[in-house]
Amino acid sequence: MSEFNNATITRKANFYFDGQVTSRTVTLANGERVTLGIMMPGEYRFDTAARELMEIQAGRVEVLLPGESEWRSVAAGEDFKVPANAEFDIKALEVTDYCCSYFTD
């Protein structure tokens, strides 16, 4: 989906890694939550509470997912899933625009 209709955007940004990764929270009409963000080039480790779908809108990353031994390349128009209660490593190879969806089931 290229846009969100009937959504609420939280004005305050989320800052991670000294501002190298930022995002804004969007709450959809049905209560689902997504974040829209930017990652500056660098290597980061994130942890999850809920299952996540990370869609790369622009840019390019490499990701090392839980249980995998090799980095996976993910470019604009591609995505990857992360299980709940896990950690994953990500390398932003260039400025990267992303959308992250969170699942509560």
N, C-alpha and C. Protein backbone atom coordinates (compact mmCIF):
# COMPACT_ATOMS: atom_id res chain seq x y z
N MET A 1 0.85 -1.16 0.00
CA MET A 1 0.00 0.00 0.00
C MET A 1 0.90 1.23 0.00
N SER A 2 0.58 2.19 -0.81
CA SER A 2 1.43 3.37 -0.95
C SER A 2 1.02 4.52 -0.03
N GLU A 3 -0.15 4.42 0.59
CA GLU A 3 -0.58 5.45 1.53
C GLU A 3 -1.49 4.85 2.57
N PHE A 4 -1.61 5.55 3.70
CA PHE A 4 -2.50 5.14 4.78
C PHE A 4 -3.64 6.15 4.85
N ASN A 5 -4.87 5.67 4.83
CA ASN A 5 -6.03 6.53 4.95
C ASN A 5 -6.61 6.39 6.35
N ASN A 6 -7.24 7.47 6.84
CA ASN A 6 -7.89 7.45 8.15
C ASN A 6 -6.93 6.98 9.24
N ALA A 7 -5.76 7.61 9.29
CA ALA A 7 -4.74 7.22 10.25
C ALA A 7 -4.38 8.41 11.14
N THR A 8 -3.83 8.09 12.32
CA THR A 8 -3.35 9.10 13.25
C THR A 8 -1.83 9.00 13.30
N ILE A 9 -1.15 10.13 13.15
CA ILE A 9 0.31 10.17 13.20
C ILE A 9 0.73 10.82 14.51
N THR A 10 1.58 10.14 15.24
CA THR A 10 2.13 10.70 16.47
C THR A 10 3.20 11.72 16.09
N ARG A 11 3.06 12.93 16.57
CA ARG A 11 3.97 14.00 16.18
C ARG A 11 5.39 13.79 16.67
N LYS A 12 5.54 13.25 17.86
CA LYS A 12 6.87 13.07 18.43
C LYS A 12 7.59 11.91 17.73
N ALA A 13 8.80 12.18 17.29
CA ALA A 13 9.60 11.15 16.61
C ALA A 13 10.24 10.19 17.61
N ASN A 14 10.53 8.99 17.14
CA ASN A 14 11.30 8.01 17.89
C ASN A 14 12.74 8.12 17.40
N PHE A 15 13.71 8.25 18.32
CA PHE A 15 15.12 8.36 17.96
C PHE A 15 15.87 7.17 18.52
N TYR A 16 16.70 6.55 17.70
CA TYR A 16 17.52 5.42 18.09
C TYR A 16 18.95 5.66 17.63
N PHE A 17 19.91 5.07 18.35
CA PHE A 17 21.31 5.11 17.94
C PHE A 17 21.77 6.54 17.67
N ASP A 18 21.60 7.39 18.70
CA ASP A 18 22.03 8.79 18.62
C ASP A 18 21.46 9.51 17.41
N GLY A 19 20.21 9.18 17.06
CA GLY A 19 19.53 9.86 15.95
C GLY A 19 19.85 9.33 14.58
N GLN A 20 20.61 8.25 14.50
CA GLN A 20 20.95 7.66 13.20
C GLN A 20 19.77 6.92 12.59
N VAL A 21 18.83 6.51 13.44
CA VAL A 21 17.59 5.87 13.00
C VAL A 21 16.44 6.65 13.66
N THR A 22 15.49 7.09 12.84
CA THR A 22 14.34 7.81 13.36
C THR A 22 13.07 7.23 12.76
N SER A 23 11.96 7.39 13.48
CA SER A 23 10.68 6.93 12.92
C SER A 23 9.55 7.73 13.53
N ARG A 24 8.40 7.64 12.87
CA ARG A 24 7.15 8.22 13.35
C ARG A 24 6.12 7.09 13.41
N THR A 25 5.33 7.09 14.47
CA THR A 25 4.31 6.07 14.64
C THR A 25 3.02 6.50 13.98
N VAL A 26 2.43 5.58 13.23
CA VAL A 26 1.15 5.79 12.57
C VAL A 26 0.19 4.73 13.11
N THR A 27 -0.96 5.18 13.62
CA THR A 27 -1.99 4.25 14.10
C THR A 27 -3.13 4.26 13.09
N LEU A 28 -3.40 3.09 12.54
CA LEU A 28 -4.43 2.96 11.52
C LEU A 28 -5.82 2.94 12.16
N ALA A 29 -6.84 3.14 11.35
CA ALA A 29 -8.23 3.19 11.84
C ALA A 29 -8.62 1.93 12.60
N ASN A 30 -8.06 0.78 12.20
CA ASN A 30 -8.40 -0.48 12.86
C ASN A 30 -7.56 -0.74 14.11
N GLY A 31 -6.71 0.23 14.49
CA GLY A 31 -5.89 0.09 15.69
C GLY A 31 -4.50 -0.47 15.45
N GLU A 32 -4.25 -0.98 14.26
CA GLU A 32 -2.91 -1.49 13.95
C GLU A 32 -1.92 -0.33 13.96
N ARG A 33 -0.66 -0.66 14.28
CA ARG A 33 0.38 0.35 14.39
C ARG A 33 1.51 0.04 13.41
N VAL A 34 1.99 1.07 12.74
CA VAL A 34 3.15 0.96 11.87
C VAL A 34 4.08 2.13 12.18
N THR A 35 5.33 1.99 11.81
CA THR A 35 6.24 3.12 11.90
C THR A 35 6.83 3.38 10.53
N LEU A 36 7.05 4.66 10.25
CA LEU A 36 7.70 5.10 9.03
C LEU A 36 9.01 5.73 9.45
N GLY A 37 10.12 5.27 8.87
CA GLY A 37 11.39 5.76 9.37
C GLY A 37 12.48 5.88 8.34
N ILE A 38 13.58 6.44 8.82
CA ILE A 38 14.79 6.63 8.03
C ILE A 38 15.97 6.07 8.82
N MET A 39 16.83 5.32 8.14
CA MET A 39 18.07 4.82 8.72
C MET A 39 19.24 5.43 7.96
N MET A 40 20.15 6.02 8.68
CA MET A 40 21.38 6.50 8.07
C MET A 40 22.32 5.31 7.91
N PRO A 41 23.27 5.39 6.99
CA PRO A 41 24.21 4.27 6.82
C PRO A 41 24.87 3.91 8.15
N GLY A 42 24.91 2.62 8.43
CA GLY A 42 25.49 2.13 9.68
C GLY A 42 24.98 0.74 9.99
N GLU A 43 25.45 0.20 11.11
CA GLU A 43 25.06 -1.14 11.53
C GLU A 43 24.34 -1.04 12.87
N TYR A 44 23.19 -1.72 12.98
CA TYR A 44 22.32 -1.58 14.14
C TYR A 44 21.80 -2.95 14.58
N ARG A 45 21.51 -3.07 15.88
CA ARG A 45 20.86 -4.27 16.41
C ARG A 45 19.54 -3.83 17.06
N PHE A 46 18.46 -4.45 16.63
CA PHE A 46 17.14 -4.16 17.17
C PHE A 46 16.59 -5.40 17.86
N ASP A 47 15.71 -5.17 18.82
CA ASP A 47 14.97 -6.28 19.41
C ASP A 47 13.49 -6.03 19.16
N THR A 48 12.74 -7.11 19.17
CA THR A 48 11.31 -7.03 18.86
C THR A 48 10.49 -7.50 20.05
N ALA A 49 9.33 -6.94 20.20
CA ALA A 49 8.34 -7.44 21.15
C ALA A 49 7.28 -8.22 20.38
N ALA A 50 6.85 -7.65 19.24
CA ALA A 50 5.83 -8.27 18.39
C ALA A 50 6.47 -8.72 17.08
N ARG A 51 5.76 -9.58 16.36
CA ARG A 51 6.21 -9.92 15.00
C ARG A 51 6.24 -8.65 14.17
N GLU A 52 7.21 -8.55 13.27
CA GLU A 52 7.36 -7.36 12.45
C GLU A 52 7.52 -7.71 10.98
N LEU A 53 7.03 -6.83 10.15
CA LEU A 53 7.28 -6.86 8.71
C LEU A 53 7.96 -5.54 8.39
N MET A 54 9.20 -5.60 7.90
CA MET A 54 9.91 -4.39 7.53
C MET A 54 9.99 -4.32 6.02
N GLU A 55 9.40 -3.25 5.47
CA GLU A 55 9.39 -3.02 4.03
C GLU A 55 10.36 -1.88 3.72
N ILE A 56 11.27 -2.14 2.80
CA ILE A 56 12.24 -1.12 2.40
C ILE A 56 11.62 -0.31 1.26
N GLN A 57 11.40 0.98 1.51
CA GLN A 57 10.78 1.87 0.52
C GLN A 57 11.83 2.43 -0.44
N ALA A 58 12.99 2.77 0.09
CA ALA A 58 14.10 3.29 -0.71
C ALA A 58 15.38 2.95 0.04
N GLY A 59 16.45 2.74 -0.70
CA GLY A 59 17.72 2.40 -0.08
C GLY A 59 17.99 0.91 -0.16
N ARG A 60 18.98 0.49 0.63
CA ARG A 60 19.41 -0.90 0.57
C ARG A 60 20.02 -1.27 1.91
N VAL A 61 19.65 -2.45 2.40
CA VAL A 61 20.18 -2.94 3.67
C VAL A 61 20.63 -4.39 3.51
N GLU A 62 21.39 -4.83 4.51
CA GLU A 62 21.66 -6.25 4.70
C GLU A 62 21.15 -6.58 6.09
N VAL A 63 20.52 -7.74 6.23
CA VAL A 63 19.92 -8.10 7.51
C VAL A 63 20.35 -9.51 7.89
N LEU A 64 20.63 -9.69 9.18
CA LEU A 64 20.94 -11.00 9.74
C LEU A 64 19.81 -11.33 10.72
N LEU A 65 18.95 -12.24 10.30
CA LEU A 65 17.76 -12.58 11.08
C LEU A 65 18.04 -13.70 12.08
N PRO A 66 17.23 -13.81 13.12
CA PRO A 66 17.42 -14.86 14.12
C PRO A 66 17.45 -16.24 13.46
N GLY A 67 18.41 -17.05 13.88
CA GLY A 67 18.52 -18.41 13.36
C GLY A 67 19.20 -18.53 12.01
N GLU A 68 19.54 -17.40 11.39
CA GLU A 68 20.22 -17.44 10.10
C GLU A 68 21.70 -17.17 10.30
N SER A 69 22.54 -17.74 9.44
CA SER A 69 23.98 -17.56 9.58
C SER A 69 24.56 -16.65 8.50
N GLU A 70 23.75 -16.27 7.53
CA GLU A 70 24.25 -15.41 6.46
C GLU A 70 23.39 -14.15 6.34
N TRP A 71 24.06 -13.07 6.04
CA TRP A 71 23.37 -11.80 5.81
C TRP A 71 22.56 -11.88 4.54
N ARG A 72 21.39 -11.26 4.55
CA ARG A 72 20.49 -11.23 3.40
C ARG A 72 20.40 -9.79 2.89
N SER A 73 20.53 -9.59 1.59
CA SER A 73 20.39 -8.26 0.99
C SER A 73 18.91 -7.97 0.75
N VAL A 74 18.48 -6.75 1.11
CA VAL A 74 17.10 -6.33 0.91
C VAL A 74 17.15 -4.92 0.33
N ALA A 75 16.52 -4.74 -0.82
CA ALA A 75 16.55 -3.46 -1.52
C ALA A 75 15.15 -2.86 -1.59
N ALA A 76 15.08 -1.65 -2.11
CA ALA A 76 13.81 -0.94 -2.27
C ALA A 76 12.79 -1.86 -2.95
N GLY A 77 11.57 -1.91 -2.40
CA GLY A 77 10.51 -2.75 -2.94
C GLY A 77 10.49 -4.15 -2.36
N GLU A 78 11.45 -4.47 -1.50
CA GLU A 78 11.50 -5.79 -0.87
C GLU A 78 11.23 -5.67 0.62
N ASP A 79 11.03 -6.80 1.28
CA ASP A 79 10.72 -6.79 2.71
C ASP A 79 11.29 -8.01 3.39
N PHE A 80 11.22 -8.03 4.71
CA PHE A 80 11.60 -9.20 5.49
C PHE A 80 10.77 -9.21 6.76
N LYS A 81 10.64 -10.40 7.36
CA LYS A 81 9.85 -10.59 8.58
C LYS A 81 10.77 -10.96 9.73
N VAL A 82 10.41 -10.49 10.91
CA VAL A 82 11.17 -10.78 12.12
C VAL A 82 10.19 -11.35 13.15
N PRO A 83 10.55 -12.46 13.81
CA PRO A 83 9.64 -13.02 14.82
C PRO A 83 9.57 -12.15 16.07
N ALA A 84 8.56 -12.38 16.87
CA ALA A 84 8.41 -11.68 18.15
C ALA A 84 9.52 -12.10 19.11
N ASN A 85 9.82 -11.21 20.04
CA ASN A 85 10.78 -11.48 21.12
C ASN A 85 12.12 -11.99 20.58
N ALA A 86 12.65 -11.26 19.61
CA ALA A 86 13.91 -11.66 18.97
C ALA A 86 14.79 -10.44 18.76
N GLU A 87 16.05 -10.69 18.43
CA GLU A 87 16.98 -9.63 18.05
C GLU A 87 17.40 -9.88 16.61
N PHE A 88 17.65 -8.80 15.89
CA PHE A 88 18.20 -8.93 14.54
C PHE A 88 19.17 -7.80 14.27
N ASP A 89 20.11 -8.06 13.39
CA ASP A 89 21.11 -7.07 13.00
C ASP A 89 20.79 -6.57 11.61
N ILE A 90 21.01 -5.28 11.41
CA ILE A 90 20.76 -4.68 10.11
C ILE A 90 21.87 -3.69 9.79
N LYS A 91 22.33 -3.72 8.55
CA LYS A 91 23.31 -2.77 8.04
C LYS A 91 22.63 -1.94 6.96
N ALA A 92 22.49 -0.65 7.22
CA ALA A 92 21.98 0.25 6.18
C ALA A 92 23.18 0.63 5.32
N LEU A 93 23.15 0.22 4.06
CA LEU A 93 24.28 0.47 3.16
C LEU A 93 24.21 1.86 2.55
N GLU A 94 23.05 2.48 2.63
CA GLU A 94 22.82 3.85 2.18
C GLU A 94 21.64 4.38 2.97
N VAL A 95 21.33 5.65 2.85
CA VAL A 95 20.16 6.19 3.55
C VAL A 95 18.95 5.35 3.12
N THR A 96 18.22 4.84 4.10
CA THR A 96 17.15 3.88 3.83
C THR A 96 15.83 4.35 4.45
N ASP A 97 14.80 4.36 3.63
CA ASP A 97 13.43 4.71 4.02
C ASP A 97 12.70 3.38 4.24
N TYR A 98 12.07 3.22 5.41
CA TYR A 98 11.41 1.95 5.70
C TYR A 98 10.04 2.15 6.33
N CYS A 99 9.23 1.11 6.23
CA CYS A 99 7.94 1.04 6.90
C CYS A 99 7.92 -0.28 7.67
N CYS A 100 7.63 -0.20 8.95
CA CYS A 100 7.62 -1.40 9.79
C CYS A 100 6.21 -1.60 10.33
N SER A 101 5.63 -2.76 10.08
CA SER A 101 4.30 -3.13 10.58
C SER A 101 4.47 -4.10 11.73
N TYR A 102 3.63 -3.95 12.75
CA TYR A 102 3.70 -4.77 13.96
C TYR A 102 2.44 -5.61 14.08
N PHE A 103 2.62 -6.88 14.45
CA PHE A 103 1.49 -7.80 14.54
C PHE A 103 1.36 -8.29 15.98
N THR A 104 0.14 -8.33 16.49
CA THR A 104 -0.09 -8.72 17.88
C THR A 104 -0.56 -10.16 18.04
N ASP A 105 -0.76 -10.87 16.94
CA ASP A 105 -1.22 -12.26 17.07
C ASP A 105 -0.08 -13.23 17.19
